[in-house]
Amino acid sequence: MPLRFNLNALIVSKLTTVVKGNPGVLPPVIEGSMTTLGLESRYEGPIREATVRVAGRSIVLVRPGEPDRLLDDPEVAAWSAAVDYMPYWAYLWPGAFLLAEAVAVEPCPAGAPALEIGCGLGLAGLVAVARGLTVRFTDYDRAPLRFVERSARANGFDPSSYSTAVLDWRDPPADRYSLIFGSDVTYEARLIPPVARAIAGLLADDGLALISDPNRSSADGFAAALAAHGLATEATPAEGESDELGRVRGRIFRIWRPGAGSG
C-alpha cells in the first residue's frame, strides 16, 4: 500500500519586493565547508508567504510570487547556455510535499545532524527543523538559500538549529550526516550519477537518506547507481493531496549502507 499524506497549503496574502542590487532585502548565506560556486540567480518581483500544513505542523514558506520571472530573464538564459543550469528552485514541486511528509514521520533523535540537498525552497528541511533536527540546507544556487533563511526566520527557528551552504554534488565535502534528504533531484537522468556519488560520500555509516521522486522515468536507474556505490535502496510508493497541486503521487527512495541497520 502506498503512503498516504494530507498536504494542504494555505496561501497568505503578504507581498514584498526584492530590488536588484539591494543585498539587505534577504539575509546572507552562511558559508561553511561546502563548495563556494559564486552563482546566484536574481529574482526581482513580489514575494509571498505561504503557510503549509505538514503532518499537523504549520510551516511558513517564503517564496517568489512570480517564479516565471526567473526563467524569462535573459541573464538566466545565458547562464543556462554556459553551465546547463536553470533556476527551478523557485517552484514548489510535487516531490517537496511528499518528502516533507516523509521527513515529518521518520524516527530521528532530537538534534541529529541532517542535510537537505538541492533544497530549493526548503520545505522538507523546515519541517525537520520544526521537529528538532539540526539542518544544513544546500543548493547549487545561492538565491534559494536566501529564501530559506528568510523562511527560517519567519518560523521563529533558533539560528543554531539550521545553516545554509552552496553545494555542488560533483564536489561534496568530507562532512557526514545521519540523515540526508532531497526532493526532485533526479528529474534528469544525467543527474543520477552525481547525486548517487554525493549521497555515498556524505552519508554516515549508520545514516539514512530519503529522496522523493514523482515517478519520473529519469529516476528508474537511481537504485542501480546507488548500488554501484555500495548503498542499499528501497522505493516506497507515496501519494497525497495538496491544495496547490492537487493529488500528488510518487515514491520515496530509502537509502542506507547494507549491514548498518538504518533501512
Protein backbone atom coordinates (compact mmCIF):
# COMPACT_ATOMS: atom_id res chain seq x y z
CA MET A 1 0.00 0.00 0.00
CA PRO A 2 1.33 3.48 -0.79
CA LEU A 3 1.99 6.01 1.93
CA ARG A 4 -0.92 8.47 2.02
CA PHE A 5 -0.39 12.08 3.02
CA ASN A 6 -2.72 15.01 3.61
CA LEU A 7 -0.90 18.04 2.26
CA ASN A 8 -2.85 21.29 2.43
CA ALA A 9 -1.30 24.65 1.63
CA LEU A 10 -2.94 27.94 2.63
CA ILE A 11 -1.62 30.96 0.75
CA VAL A 12 -1.31 34.08 2.91
CA SER A 13 -1.53 37.41 1.05
CA LYS A 14 1.67 39.14 2.08
CA LEU A 15 3.77 40.64 -0.70
CA THR A 16 7.15 42.35 -0.61
CA THR A 17 9.61 43.15 -3.39
CA VAL A 18 13.23 42.18 -3.90
CA VAL A 19 15.08 45.04 -5.59
CA LYS A 20 18.06 44.30 -7.81
CA GLY A 21 21.30 45.34 -6.19
CA ASN A 22 19.89 45.58 -2.65
CA PRO A 23 21.65 42.85 -0.65
CA GLY A 24 19.90 43.87 2.55
CA VAL A 25 16.49 42.58 1.47
CA LEU A 26 17.31 38.93 2.16
CA PRO A 27 19.75 37.63 4.80
CA PRO A 28 23.21 36.47 3.72
CA VAL A 29 24.22 32.88 3.09
CA ILE A 30 26.23 31.29 5.88
CA GLU A 31 29.38 29.89 4.30
CA GLY A 32 30.65 26.62 5.69
CA SER A 33 32.85 23.86 4.35
CA MET A 34 30.69 23.36 1.27
CA THR A 35 31.99 24.31 -2.17
CA THR A 36 31.54 28.02 -2.92
CA LEU A 37 30.45 28.46 -6.53
CA GLY A 38 29.59 32.14 -6.61
CA LEU A 39 26.49 31.51 -8.74
CA GLU A 40 23.27 33.29 -7.90
CA SER A 41 20.11 33.76 -9.92
CA ARG A 42 18.45 37.10 -9.27
CA TYR A 43 14.74 37.27 -8.60
CA GLU A 44 13.12 40.69 -8.97
CA GLY A 45 9.46 40.58 -8.13
CA PRO A 46 6.84 40.04 -5.44
CA ILE A 47 7.46 37.62 -2.60
CA ARG A 48 4.68 35.76 -0.84
CA GLU A 49 4.42 33.81 2.38
CA ALA A 50 2.56 30.52 2.30
CA THR A 51 1.52 28.58 5.38
CA VAL A 52 1.84 24.90 4.56
CA ARG A 53 0.36 22.21 6.80
CA VAL A 54 2.56 19.13 7.03
CA ALA A 55 1.73 16.28 9.41
CA GLY A 56 -0.15 18.63 11.70
CA ARG A 57 2.56 21.31 11.67
CA SER A 58 2.20 24.78 10.19
CA ILE A 59 5.29 25.83 8.24
CA VAL A 60 5.74 29.36 6.90
CA LEU A 61 7.33 29.26 3.47
CA VAL A 62 8.73 32.43 1.90
CA ARG A 63 8.81 32.12 -1.88
CA PRO A 64 8.84 34.11 -5.13
CA GLY A 65 5.33 35.24 -6.03
CA GLU A 66 6.04 35.11 -9.76
CA PRO A 67 8.71 32.43 -10.31
CA ASP A 68 8.38 32.52 -14.10
CA ARG A 69 10.26 35.82 -13.99
CA LEU A 70 13.44 33.87 -13.34
CA LEU A 71 13.06 31.64 -16.39
CA ASP A 72 12.26 34.63 -18.61
CA ASP A 73 15.38 36.54 -17.55
CA PRO A 74 17.90 36.87 -20.43
CA GLU A 75 20.77 36.56 -17.94
CA VAL A 76 19.38 33.22 -16.79
CA ALA A 77 19.18 32.04 -20.41
CA ALA A 78 22.83 32.93 -20.87
CA TRP A 79 23.70 31.17 -17.62
CA SER A 80 21.85 28.06 -18.76
CA ALA A 81 23.77 28.01 -22.03
CA ALA A 82 27.06 28.34 -20.16
CA VAL A 83 26.63 25.83 -17.32
CA ASP A 84 23.47 23.88 -18.26
CA TYR A 85 21.52 25.04 -15.20
CA MET A 86 18.06 26.56 -14.77
CA PRO A 87 16.72 28.07 -11.51
CA TYR A 88 13.78 25.72 -10.97
CA TRP A 89 14.21 26.21 -7.23
CA ALA A 90 11.55 28.95 -7.21
CA TYR A 91 8.73 26.44 -7.73
CA LEU A 92 7.22 24.13 -5.12
CA TRP A 93 7.47 20.77 -6.87
CA PRO A 94 5.38 17.63 -6.14
CA GLY A 95 8.30 15.81 -4.58
CA ALA A 96 8.74 18.55 -1.98
CA PHE A 97 5.34 17.76 -0.46
CA LEU A 98 6.00 14.01 -0.41
CA LEU A 99 9.45 14.47 1.10
CA ALA A 100 8.22 16.89 3.77
CA GLU A 101 5.69 14.34 5.00
CA ALA A 102 8.26 11.54 4.95
CA VAL A 103 10.71 13.64 6.98
CA ALA A 104 7.94 14.61 9.40
CA VAL A 105 7.33 10.99 10.44
CA GLU A 106 10.82 9.47 10.16
CA PRO A 107 12.14 8.50 13.63
CA CYS A 108 15.16 10.67 14.44
CA PRO A 109 16.76 11.75 17.72
CA ALA A 110 16.44 15.44 18.58
CA GLY A 111 19.38 17.48 17.39
CA ALA A 112 20.52 14.87 14.86
CA PRO A 113 22.54 16.43 12.01
CA ALA A 114 20.60 16.45 8.74
CA LEU A 115 21.41 17.64 5.25
CA GLU A 116 18.97 18.72 2.56
CA ILE A 117 20.45 18.55 -0.95
CA GLY A 118 19.02 20.60 -3.78
CA CYS A 119 16.84 22.23 -1.16
CA GLY A 120 15.13 24.84 -3.34
CA LEU A 121 12.54 26.47 -1.10
CA GLY A 122 13.48 24.03 1.67
CA LEU A 123 10.04 22.77 2.76
CA ALA A 124 11.30 19.39 3.99
CA GLY A 125 14.23 20.93 5.80
CA LEU A 126 11.99 23.44 7.52
CA VAL A 127 9.81 20.57 8.71
CA ALA A 128 12.93 18.82 10.01
CA VAL A 129 14.00 21.92 11.96
CA ALA A 130 10.48 22.26 13.37
CA ARG A 131 10.69 18.75 14.78
CA GLY A 132 14.06 19.33 16.43
CA LEU A 133 16.74 18.32 13.93
CA THR A 134 19.81 20.42 13.12
CA VAL A 135 19.62 21.01 9.39
CA ARG A 136 22.05 22.25 6.79
CA PHE A 137 20.21 23.44 3.68
CA THR A 138 22.25 23.24 0.47
CA ASP A 139 21.74 24.13 -3.17
CA TYR A 140 23.81 24.79 -6.29
CA ASP A 141 22.47 28.36 -6.44
CA ARG A 142 22.81 30.92 -3.65
CA ALA A 143 19.40 32.51 -4.30
CA PRO A 144 17.18 29.79 -2.78
CA LEU A 145 19.35 29.72 0.32
CA ARG A 146 18.46 33.33 0.97
CA PHE A 147 14.78 32.47 0.78
CA VAL A 148 15.31 29.52 3.14
CA GLU A 149 16.99 31.83 5.64
CA ARG A 150 14.02 34.14 5.44
CA SER A 151 11.57 31.24 5.92
CA ALA A 152 13.50 30.03 8.96
CA ARG A 153 13.29 33.49 10.49
CA ALA A 154 9.57 33.70 9.70
CA ASN A 155 9.06 30.43 11.58
CA GLY A 156 10.99 31.73 14.58
CA PHE A 157 13.61 28.97 14.46
CA ASP A 158 16.69 29.19 16.64
CA PRO A 159 19.59 30.21 14.34
CA SER A 160 21.72 27.45 15.87
CA SER A 161 19.31 24.82 14.51
CA TYR A 162 19.98 25.49 10.82
CA SER A 163 22.59 26.74 8.38
CA THR A 164 22.90 27.16 4.62
CA ALA A 165 25.71 26.50 2.17
CA VAL A 166 26.33 26.13 -1.55
CA LEU A 167 26.92 22.53 -2.61
CA ASP A 168 27.98 21.10 -5.95
CA TRP A 169 27.13 17.37 -6.00
CA ARG A 170 30.21 16.78 -8.14
CA ASP A 171 32.47 18.08 -5.37
CA PRO A 172 30.98 17.21 -1.96
CA PRO A 173 32.84 18.00 1.29
CA ALA A 174 34.10 15.47 3.80
CA ASP A 175 31.18 16.07 6.18
CA ARG A 176 28.90 13.18 7.23
CA TYR A 177 25.22 13.26 8.15
CA SER A 178 22.86 10.89 9.96
CA LEU A 179 20.01 11.95 7.71
CA ILE A 180 20.19 13.20 4.13
CA PHE A 181 17.11 14.12 2.12
CA GLY A 182 16.20 15.71 -1.18
CA SER A 183 13.22 16.11 -3.48
CA ASP A 184 13.04 16.10 -7.28
CA VAL A 185 16.83 15.85 -7.55
CA THR A 186 16.60 13.08 -10.18
CA TYR A 187 14.46 14.97 -12.70
CA GLU A 188 17.06 14.30 -15.43
CA ALA A 189 18.94 11.05 -15.93
CA ARG A 190 22.25 12.91 -16.17
CA LEU A 191 21.85 14.00 -12.53
CA ILE A 192 21.67 10.46 -11.14
CA PRO A 193 25.44 9.69 -11.11
CA PRO A 194 26.48 12.85 -9.21
CA VAL A 195 23.53 12.58 -6.80
CA ALA A 196 24.33 8.94 -6.03
CA ARG A 197 28.02 9.73 -5.59
CA ALA A 198 27.28 12.67 -3.30
CA ILE A 199 24.96 10.62 -1.09
CA ALA A 200 27.56 7.85 -0.84
CA GLY A 201 30.17 10.35 0.28
CA LEU A 202 28.01 12.34 2.69
CA LEU A 203 26.00 9.60 4.41
CA ALA A 204 27.18 8.46 7.84
CA ASP A 205 27.86 4.75 8.25
CA ASP A 206 24.61 4.26 10.19
CA GLY A 207 22.75 7.02 8.34
CA LEU A 208 19.65 7.12 6.17
CA ALA A 209 18.85 9.09 3.02
CA LEU A 210 15.34 9.88 1.79
CA ILE A 211 14.88 11.01 -1.81
CA SER A 212 11.44 11.74 -3.22
CA ASP A 213 10.52 11.44 -6.89
CA PRO A 214 7.11 11.90 -8.62
CA ASN A 215 7.53 8.67 -10.62
CA ARG A 216 9.70 10.20 -13.33
CA SER A 217 11.26 7.68 -15.70
CA SER A 218 14.55 9.56 -15.34
CA ALA A 219 14.89 8.10 -11.82
CA ASP A 220 14.46 4.48 -12.88
CA GLY A 221 18.21 3.91 -12.82
CA PHE A 222 18.72 5.52 -9.43
CA ALA A 223 18.81 2.28 -7.41
CA ALA A 224 21.44 0.78 -9.70
CA ALA A 225 23.59 3.92 -9.43
CA LEU A 226 23.39 3.79 -5.64
CA ALA A 227 24.23 0.08 -5.61
CA ALA A 228 27.38 0.85 -7.58
CA HIS A 229 28.47 2.89 -4.56
CA GLY A 230 27.65 0.12 -2.09
CA LEU A 231 24.30 1.52 -0.97
CA ALA A 232 21.05 -0.36 -0.47
CA THR A 233 17.75 1.12 -1.65
CA GLU A 234 14.04 0.56 -1.16
CA ALA A 235 11.46 2.54 -3.15
CA THR A 236 8.10 3.02 -1.41
CA PRO A 237 5.04 4.41 -3.24
CA ALA A 238 3.68 7.64 -1.75
CA GLU A 239 0.71 9.87 -2.50
CA GLY A 240 -1.09 12.82 -1.03
CA GLU A 241 -3.31 15.85 -1.57
CA SER A 242 -2.17 19.45 -1.92
CA ASP A 243 -4.39 22.49 -2.31
CA GLU A 244 -1.77 23.88 -4.65
CA LEU A 245 -1.01 20.86 -6.84
CA GLY A 246 -3.98 18.56 -6.27
CA ARG A 247 -3.22 14.86 -5.91
CA VAL A 248 0.49 14.15 -5.66
CA ARG A 249 1.87 10.69 -6.39
CA GLY A 250 5.41 9.43 -6.35
CA ARG A 251 7.90 7.33 -4.46
CA ILE A 252 10.33 7.71 -1.58
CA PHE A 253 13.75 6.12 -2.00
CA ARG A 254 15.11 4.95 1.36
CA ILE A 255 18.89 4.59 1.12
CA TRP A 256 21.35 3.10 3.61
CA ARG A 257 24.59 1.18 3.88
CA PRO A 258 23.99 -2.58 4.00
CA GLY A 259 24.59 -4.01 7.46
CA ALA A 260 24.20 -0.62 9.16
CA GLY A 261 20.60 -1.25 10.24
CA SER A 262 19.05 2.02 9.02
CA GLY A 263 16.89 0.55 6.28
